[in-house]
Amino acid sequence: MKPIRYLLVEDQAPDQFYTEVLIRNDQPKATVEVAADGRQALDALMRASDLAPVGAVPAPDVILLDINMPRMNGFEFLDAFTDAVAHGRLKQRPIILMLTSSEGVADRDRASRYDCVQGYLVKPIDIATLNQLLAGAMDATE
């Protein structure tokens, strides 16, 4: 299996560090790009778009998306992402897993309404749960 490219969308430095270390310890060849909010994540996706010039950064395979962030929260990102895909501004379809401290049913239900969301992880995450969700999502996309 090729190394996975992650885009971690998380505003809290301790959570960024924990998640990045967790992934790198389990998947040493994985790459992890960090965006501090949904706006930075959307900008990163646009830079990596199939429509971007040759030599652009490759698109992520997986987006780990926090809900509560400044500037653009996780749900606002999902709205913008869905719109960009629908209007042809983005072609890539990474696996999107919600990564949040919210165990609330309302957030989980809201996330499940987005076709692009393939899982929901409550922080702190464990690598076994992440790998299980990834395996299921990858099987579903093949």
Protein backbone atom coordinates (compact mmCIF):
# COMPACT_ATOMS: atom_id res chain seq x y z
CA MET A 1 0.00 0.00 0.00
CA LYS A 2 1.31 3.47 -0.89
CA PRO A 3 1.98 5.96 1.92
CA ILE A 4 -1.11 7.93 2.91
CA ARG A 5 -1.15 11.72 2.58
CA TYR A 6 -3.11 13.32 5.43
CA LEU A 7 -4.47 16.82 5.81
CA LEU A 8 -5.06 17.42 9.52
CA VAL A 9 -7.45 20.34 10.03
CA GLU A 10 -7.06 21.25 13.70
CA ASP A 11 -6.59 24.56 15.50
CA GLN A 12 -5.23 23.30 18.84
CA ALA A 13 -1.44 22.78 18.85
CA PRO A 14 -1.50 19.93 21.44
CA ASP A 15 -4.08 18.04 19.35
CA GLN A 16 -2.07 18.70 16.18
CA PHE A 17 1.05 17.31 17.84
CA TYR A 18 -0.69 14.26 19.37
CA THR A 19 -2.43 13.27 16.14
CA GLU A 20 0.65 13.79 13.98
CA VAL A 21 2.85 11.71 16.32
CA LEU A 22 0.19 8.99 16.50
CA ILE A 23 0.03 8.72 12.71
CA ARG A 24 3.80 8.91 12.16
CA ASN A 25 4.48 6.21 14.78
CA ASP A 26 2.02 3.86 13.07
CA GLN A 27 2.70 4.89 9.46
CA PRO A 28 6.30 6.16 9.20
CA LYS A 29 6.00 6.87 5.46
CA ALA A 30 2.77 8.87 5.78
CA THR A 31 2.83 12.62 5.24
CA VAL A 32 0.82 14.94 7.46
CA GLU A 33 0.07 18.51 6.41
CA VAL A 34 -1.60 20.67 9.06
CA ALA A 35 -4.17 23.42 8.53
CA ALA A 36 -5.31 25.48 11.52
CA ASP A 37 -8.84 26.03 10.23
CA GLY A 38 -11.21 25.23 7.39
CA ARG A 39 -10.09 28.22 5.30
CA GLN A 40 -6.45 27.05 5.34
CA ALA A 41 -7.61 23.53 4.49
CA LEU A 42 -9.66 24.73 1.54
CA ASP A 43 -6.70 26.79 0.31
CA ALA A 44 -4.45 23.70 0.59
CA LEU A 45 -6.94 21.65 -1.43
CA MET A 46 -7.13 24.32 -4.12
CA ARG A 47 -3.31 24.35 -4.35
CA ALA A 48 -3.36 20.56 -4.72
CA SER A 49 -6.29 20.51 -7.14
CA ASP A 50 -6.14 18.57 -10.37
CA LEU A 51 -6.72 21.95 -11.97
CA ALA A 52 -3.58 23.40 -10.36
CA PRO A 53 -0.40 23.86 -12.41
CA VAL A 54 2.03 21.01 -12.92
CA GLY A 55 4.27 20.55 -9.88
CA ALA A 56 1.57 21.49 -7.39
CA VAL A 57 1.47 19.69 -4.07
CA PRO A 58 -0.33 16.33 -4.30
CA ALA A 59 -3.87 16.20 -2.95
CA PRO A 60 -4.40 14.50 0.41
CA ASP A 61 -5.83 10.99 0.54
CA VAL A 62 -7.42 11.63 3.94
CA ILE A 63 -8.71 14.75 5.69
CA LEU A 64 -9.02 14.62 9.49
CA LEU A 65 -11.40 17.50 10.17
CA ASP A 66 -12.06 19.15 13.53
CA ILE A 67 -15.46 20.80 14.02
CA ASN A 68 -14.82 23.75 16.34
CA MET A 69 -12.24 26.10 14.82
CA PRO A 70 -11.88 29.85 14.24
CA ARG A 71 -12.48 31.56 10.87
CA MET A 72 -14.09 28.52 9.20
CA ASN A 73 -15.33 25.59 11.29
CA GLY A 74 -15.59 22.00 10.11
CA PHE A 75 -19.17 22.25 8.90
CA GLU A 76 -18.47 25.49 7.03
CA PHE A 77 -15.51 23.71 5.40
CA LEU A 78 -17.78 20.82 4.38
CA ASP A 79 -20.26 23.26 2.81
CA ALA A 80 -17.47 25.01 0.88
CA PHE A 81 -15.86 21.69 -0.13
CA THR A 82 -19.19 20.28 -1.37
CA ASP A 83 -19.84 23.46 -3.34
CA ALA A 84 -16.35 23.43 -4.88
CA VAL A 85 -16.75 19.79 -5.97
CA ALA A 86 -20.27 20.42 -7.34
CA HIS A 87 -19.06 23.37 -9.41
CA GLY A 88 -15.92 21.65 -10.72
CA ARG A 89 -13.41 23.74 -8.77
CA LEU A 90 -12.15 20.61 -7.00
CA LYS A 91 -11.93 17.16 -8.52
CA GLN A 92 -10.23 15.16 -5.79
CA ARG A 93 -12.39 13.19 -3.37
CA PRO A 94 -10.32 12.48 -0.26
CA ILE A 95 -11.65 10.40 2.59
CA ILE A 96 -13.00 12.85 5.18
CA LEU A 97 -13.12 11.80 8.82
CA MET A 98 -14.49 14.19 11.42
CA LEU A 99 -12.07 14.55 14.33
CA THR A 100 -13.61 16.29 17.31
CA SER A 101 -13.92 16.48 21.06
CA SER A 102 -17.69 16.70 20.65
CA GLU A 103 -19.51 13.53 21.60
CA GLY A 104 -22.82 15.28 20.99
CA VAL A 105 -25.43 13.43 18.97
CA ALA A 106 -26.35 16.64 17.12
CA ASP A 107 -22.81 17.05 15.71
CA ARG A 108 -22.61 13.37 14.75
CA ASP A 109 -26.02 13.55 13.03
CA ARG A 110 -25.10 16.75 11.23
CA ALA A 111 -21.82 15.23 10.01
CA SER A 112 -23.63 12.13 8.74
CA ARG A 113 -25.75 14.30 6.41
CA TYR A 114 -22.68 15.04 4.29
CA ASP A 115 -22.03 12.36 1.65
CA CYS A 116 -18.33 13.24 1.70
CA VAL A 117 -17.91 12.34 5.41
CA GLN A 118 -16.94 8.70 5.92
CA GLY A 119 -16.40 8.58 9.67
CA TYR A 120 -16.45 10.34 13.02
CA LEU A 121 -13.64 10.15 15.58
CA VAL A 122 -13.82 11.53 19.12
CA LYS A 123 -10.56 12.93 20.53
CA PRO A 124 -8.27 11.70 21.80
CA ILE A 125 -8.25 9.19 18.97
CA ASP A 126 -6.57 5.82 19.04
CA ILE A 127 -4.76 4.45 16.03
CA ALA A 128 -6.76 1.21 15.89
CA THR A 129 -10.03 3.13 15.47
CA LEU A 130 -8.48 5.41 12.85
CA ASN A 131 -7.12 2.44 10.89
CA GLN A 132 -10.46 0.63 11.10
CA LEU A 133 -12.35 3.65 9.73
CA LEU A 134 -9.75 4.14 6.99
CA ALA A 135 -9.94 0.49 5.93
CA GLY A 136 -13.73 0.68 5.69
CA ALA A 137 -13.63 3.96 3.77
CA MET A 138 -10.96 2.71 1.37
CA ASP A 139 -12.93 -0.49 0.70
CA ALA A 140 -16.02 1.61 -0.03
CA THR A 141 -14.17 3.77 -2.58
CA GLU A 142 -12.64 0.86 -4.52
